[in-house]
């Protein structure tokens, strides 16, 4: 499948993380994630139309750089990205 481009939008309020992942033509919303200093984690279900997969993401923010791993039933996927106006643009790679 190779690298895929996407957009990860995150909002934090009192340590609770919510937002969305837009990748491969689908959008998945998440809430009740956690953020502590520069470490974050959240989970959700990505609906790809012909299949759904649960995911759990754990990662870090360092300045404008994002690095994370998404764990799914189809394997683990590296995510890297750079903050853009109001959101982080993520590129998951297998």
N, C-alpha and C. Protein backbone atom coordinates (compact mmCIF):
# COMPACT_ATOMS: atom_id res chain seq x y z
N UNK A 1 0.83 -1.18 0.00
CA UNK A 1 0.00 0.00 0.00
C UNK A 1 0.87 1.25 0.00
N UNK A 2 1.98 1.24 0.70
CA UNK A 2 2.89 2.38 0.72
C UNK A 2 2.40 3.52 1.59
N UNK A 3 3.19 4.58 1.66
CA UNK A 3 2.83 5.74 2.48
C UNK A 3 1.50 6.36 2.03
N UNK A 4 0.74 6.82 2.99
CA UNK A 4 -0.54 7.48 2.73
C UNK A 4 -0.52 8.85 3.38
N UNK A 5 -1.09 9.82 2.72
CA UNK A 5 -1.19 11.16 3.30
C UNK A 5 -2.53 11.31 4.01
N UNK A 6 -2.54 12.14 5.03
CA UNK A 6 -3.77 12.37 5.76
C UNK A 6 -3.65 13.62 6.61
N UNK A 7 -4.71 13.91 7.33
CA UNK A 7 -4.73 15.07 8.23
C UNK A 7 -5.23 14.62 9.59
N UNK A 8 -4.48 14.97 10.61
CA UNK A 8 -4.85 14.70 12.00
C UNK A 8 -5.15 16.04 12.65
N UNK A 9 -6.37 16.23 13.12
CA UNK A 9 -6.76 17.46 13.81
C UNK A 9 -6.99 17.12 15.28
N UNK A 10 -6.32 17.84 16.17
CA UNK A 10 -6.45 17.57 17.61
C UNK A 10 -6.80 18.85 18.35
N UNK A 11 -7.66 18.69 19.35
CA UNK A 11 -8.00 19.78 20.27
C UNK A 11 -7.85 19.26 21.68
N UNK A 12 -7.30 20.09 22.56
CA UNK A 12 -7.09 19.70 23.95
C UNK A 12 -7.85 20.65 24.86
N UNK A 13 -8.54 20.07 25.83
CA UNK A 13 -9.19 20.86 26.86
C UNK A 13 -9.01 20.15 28.18
N UNK A 14 -8.25 20.77 29.09
CA UNK A 14 -7.97 20.21 30.42
C UNK A 14 -7.39 18.79 30.35
N UNK A 15 -6.48 18.57 29.43
CA UNK A 15 -5.82 17.27 29.33
C UNK A 15 -6.59 16.22 28.56
N UNK A 16 -7.81 16.57 28.09
CA UNK A 16 -8.63 15.63 27.32
C UNK A 16 -8.49 15.98 25.84
N UNK A 17 -8.16 14.98 25.04
CA UNK A 17 -7.88 15.16 23.63
C UNK A 17 -9.05 14.68 22.79
N UNK A 18 -9.44 15.47 21.80
CA UNK A 18 -10.47 15.06 20.84
C UNK A 18 -10.05 15.56 19.46
N UNK A 19 -10.68 15.02 18.43
CA UNK A 19 -10.34 15.47 17.10
C UNK A 19 -10.75 14.47 16.04
N UNK A 20 -10.00 14.47 14.94
CA UNK A 20 -10.33 13.59 13.83
C UNK A 20 -9.08 13.21 13.04
N UNK A 21 -9.20 12.08 12.35
CA UNK A 21 -8.19 11.64 11.40
C UNK A 21 -8.89 11.54 10.05
N UNK A 22 -8.30 12.18 9.05
CA UNK A 22 -8.82 12.07 7.69
C UNK A 22 -7.73 11.42 6.84
N UNK A 23 -8.00 10.22 6.35
CA UNK A 23 -7.02 9.48 5.54
C UNK A 23 -7.75 8.50 4.63
N UNK A 24 -7.19 8.25 3.47
CA UNK A 24 -7.70 7.27 2.51
C UNK A 24 -9.19 7.48 2.22
N UNK A 25 -9.62 8.74 2.15
CA UNK A 25 -10.99 9.06 1.79
C UNK A 25 -12.01 8.95 2.90
N UNK A 26 -11.57 8.68 4.13
CA UNK A 26 -12.49 8.54 5.26
C UNK A 26 -12.06 9.45 6.40
N UNK A 27 -13.02 9.80 7.26
CA UNK A 27 -12.74 10.59 8.45
C UNK A 27 -13.21 9.82 9.67
N UNK A 28 -12.35 9.76 10.69
CA UNK A 28 -12.68 9.11 11.96
C UNK A 28 -12.55 10.14 13.07
N UNK A 29 -13.59 10.27 13.88
CA UNK A 29 -13.57 11.20 15.00
C UNK A 29 -13.22 10.44 16.27
N UNK A 30 -12.49 11.08 17.16
CA UNK A 30 -12.17 10.47 18.45
C UNK A 30 -12.39 11.50 19.56
N UNK A 31 -12.62 10.99 20.77
CA UNK A 31 -12.76 11.84 21.94
C UNK A 31 -12.22 11.05 23.13
N UNK A 32 -12.08 11.71 24.25
CA UNK A 32 -11.58 11.10 25.48
C UNK A 32 -10.16 10.58 25.34
N UNK A 33 -9.38 11.17 24.43
CA UNK A 33 -7.95 10.88 24.37
C UNK A 33 -7.25 11.58 25.53
N UNK A 34 -5.97 11.32 25.67
CA UNK A 34 -5.20 11.92 26.77
C UNK A 34 -3.98 12.62 26.20
N UNK A 35 -3.61 13.71 26.84
CA UNK A 35 -2.36 14.38 26.51
C UNK A 35 -1.71 14.79 27.82
N UNK A 36 -0.42 14.53 27.92
CA UNK A 36 0.35 14.83 29.13
C UNK A 36 1.69 15.38 28.67
N UNK A 37 1.90 16.66 28.87
CA UNK A 37 3.07 17.36 28.35
C UNK A 37 3.13 17.15 26.84
N UNK A 38 4.13 16.42 26.33
CA UNK A 38 4.22 16.25 24.88
C UNK A 38 3.76 14.87 24.41
N UNK A 39 3.31 14.00 25.31
CA UNK A 39 2.85 12.65 24.94
C UNK A 39 1.32 12.64 24.83
N UNK A 40 0.82 11.91 23.84
CA UNK A 40 -0.62 11.83 23.65
C UNK A 40 -1.02 10.41 23.26
N UNK A 41 -2.31 10.11 23.46
CA UNK A 41 -2.87 8.84 22.99
C UNK A 41 -4.37 9.01 22.80
N UNK A 42 -4.90 8.27 21.83
CA UNK A 42 -6.34 8.26 21.57
C UNK A 42 -6.66 7.01 20.78
N UNK A 43 -7.95 6.70 20.70
CA UNK A 43 -8.37 5.51 19.94
C UNK A 43 -9.71 5.79 19.28
N UNK A 44 -10.04 4.96 18.31
CA UNK A 44 -11.29 5.11 17.59
C UNK A 44 -11.50 3.98 16.61
N UNK A 45 -12.45 4.17 15.72
CA UNK A 45 -12.75 3.19 14.67
C UNK A 45 -12.72 3.93 13.34
N UNK A 46 -11.92 3.42 12.41
CA UNK A 46 -11.86 3.99 11.07
C UNK A 46 -12.77 3.18 10.16
N UNK A 47 -13.78 3.83 9.59
CA UNK A 47 -14.73 3.18 8.70
C UNK A 47 -14.30 3.48 7.26
N UNK A 48 -13.87 2.44 6.56
CA UNK A 48 -13.39 2.60 5.19
C UNK A 48 -14.46 2.23 4.16
N UNK A 49 -15.71 2.15 4.58
CA UNK A 49 -16.80 1.80 3.68
C UNK A 49 -16.97 0.31 3.56
N UNK A 50 -15.95 -0.38 3.06
CA UNK A 50 -16.05 -1.83 2.91
C UNK A 50 -15.48 -2.58 4.10
N UNK A 51 -14.84 -1.89 5.04
CA UNK A 51 -14.41 -2.51 6.29
C UNK A 51 -14.18 -1.43 7.35
N UNK A 52 -14.24 -1.85 8.61
CA UNK A 52 -13.95 -0.97 9.74
C UNK A 52 -12.78 -1.57 10.50
N UNK A 53 -11.95 -0.72 11.05
CA UNK A 53 -10.86 -1.21 11.89
C UNK A 53 -10.69 -0.29 13.10
N UNK A 54 -10.52 -0.91 14.25
CA UNK A 54 -10.22 -0.16 15.47
C UNK A 54 -8.76 0.23 15.43
N UNK A 55 -8.45 1.38 16.02
CA UNK A 55 -7.06 1.81 16.10
C UNK A 55 -6.79 2.44 17.45
N UNK A 56 -5.54 2.38 17.86
CA UNK A 56 -5.06 3.08 19.04
C UNK A 56 -3.78 3.79 18.63
N UNK A 57 -3.71 5.08 18.90
CA UNK A 57 -2.56 5.88 18.52
C UNK A 57 -1.87 6.39 19.78
N UNK A 58 -0.54 6.24 19.81
CA UNK A 58 0.29 6.80 20.88
C UNK A 58 1.43 7.54 20.22
N UNK A 59 1.71 8.76 20.71
CA UNK A 59 2.77 9.52 20.08
C UNK A 59 3.24 10.69 20.92
N UNK A 60 4.09 11.50 20.29
CA UNK A 60 4.65 12.67 20.95
C UNK A 60 4.63 13.86 19.99
N UNK A 61 4.61 15.03 20.60
CA UNK A 61 4.74 16.29 19.88
C UNK A 61 6.03 16.95 20.34
N UNK A 62 6.83 17.42 19.40
CA UNK A 62 8.06 18.12 19.73
C UNK A 62 8.14 19.35 18.84
N UNK A 63 7.82 20.50 19.42
CA UNK A 63 7.72 21.71 18.60
C UNK A 63 6.60 21.54 17.59
N UNK A 64 6.93 21.62 16.31
CA UNK A 64 5.93 21.44 15.26
C UNK A 64 5.93 20.03 14.68
N UNK A 65 6.73 19.12 15.25
CA UNK A 65 6.84 17.75 14.71
C UNK A 65 6.00 16.78 15.53
N UNK A 66 5.33 15.88 14.83
CA UNK A 66 4.51 14.83 15.44
C UNK A 66 5.09 13.48 15.02
N UNK A 67 5.22 12.57 15.99
CA UNK A 67 5.64 11.19 15.70
C UNK A 67 4.74 10.28 16.51
N UNK A 68 4.20 9.23 15.88
CA UNK A 68 3.26 8.35 16.57
C UNK A 68 3.25 6.98 15.90
N UNK A 69 2.60 6.04 16.60
CA UNK A 69 2.36 4.70 16.06
C UNK A 69 0.88 4.41 16.22
N UNK A 70 0.24 3.98 15.14
CA UNK A 70 -1.15 3.53 15.18
C UNK A 70 -1.15 2.01 15.20
N UNK A 71 -1.77 1.44 16.22
CA UNK A 71 -1.89 -0.01 16.33
C UNK A 71 -3.28 -0.41 15.88
N UNK A 72 -3.36 -1.34 14.92
CA UNK A 72 -4.64 -1.80 14.37
C UNK A 72 -4.61 -3.32 14.27
N UNK A 73 -5.73 -3.90 13.93
CA UNK A 73 -5.79 -5.34 13.68
C UNK A 73 -5.05 -5.74 12.42
N UNK A 74 -4.64 -4.76 11.62
CA UNK A 74 -3.91 -5.02 10.38
C UNK A 74 -2.42 -4.73 10.52
N UNK A 75 -1.98 -4.45 11.73
CA UNK A 75 -0.57 -4.16 11.97
C UNK A 75 -0.37 -2.79 12.59
N UNK A 76 0.89 -2.44 12.77
CA UNK A 76 1.26 -1.14 13.32
C UNK A 76 1.71 -0.23 12.18
N UNK A 77 1.36 1.05 12.29
CA UNK A 77 1.68 2.01 11.25
C UNK A 77 2.35 3.23 11.87
N UNK A 78 3.49 3.61 11.34
CA UNK A 78 4.20 4.80 11.78
C UNK A 78 3.48 6.02 11.23
N UNK A 79 3.38 7.05 12.06
CA UNK A 79 2.77 8.31 11.64
C UNK A 79 3.78 9.42 11.93
N UNK A 80 4.00 10.27 10.95
CA UNK A 80 4.84 11.45 11.17
C UNK A 80 4.13 12.63 10.54
N UNK A 81 4.38 13.80 11.10
CA UNK A 81 3.70 14.96 10.56
C UNK A 81 4.30 16.25 11.05
N UNK A 82 3.84 17.33 10.45
CA UNK A 82 4.26 18.68 10.80
C UNK A 82 3.03 19.53 11.02
N UNK A 83 3.06 20.31 12.09
CA UNK A 83 1.92 21.19 12.41
C UNK A 83 1.71 22.19 11.29
N UNK A 84 0.45 22.33 10.88
CA UNK A 84 0.06 23.37 9.94
C UNK A 84 -1.02 24.20 10.62
N UNK A 85 -1.43 25.27 10.03
CA UNK A 85 -2.37 26.19 10.65
C UNK A 85 -3.54 25.47 11.31
N UNK A 86 -3.50 25.38 12.64
CA UNK A 86 -4.60 24.81 13.40
C UNK A 86 -4.71 23.31 13.39
N UNK A 87 -3.82 22.58 12.70
CA UNK A 87 -3.90 21.12 12.64
C UNK A 87 -2.53 20.56 12.30
N UNK A 88 -2.39 19.24 12.47
CA UNK A 88 -1.16 18.56 12.08
C UNK A 88 -1.45 17.71 10.86
N UNK A 89 -0.60 17.77 9.87
CA UNK A 89 -0.74 16.95 8.67
C UNK A 89 0.06 15.68 8.87
N UNK A 90 -0.59 14.53 8.81
CA UNK A 90 0.07 13.27 9.13
C UNK A 90 0.20 12.40 7.90
N UNK A 91 1.30 11.66 7.82
CA UNK A 91 1.53 10.72 6.73
C UNK A 91 1.81 9.35 7.31
N UNK A 92 0.79 8.48 7.46
CA UNK A 92 1.06 7.16 8.01
C UNK A 92 1.83 6.31 7.03
N UNK A 93 2.77 5.54 7.54
CA UNK A 93 3.51 4.60 6.71
C UNK A 93 3.54 3.25 7.40
N UNK A 94 3.43 2.17 6.61
CA UNK A 94 3.41 0.83 7.23
C UNK A 94 4.76 0.46 7.80
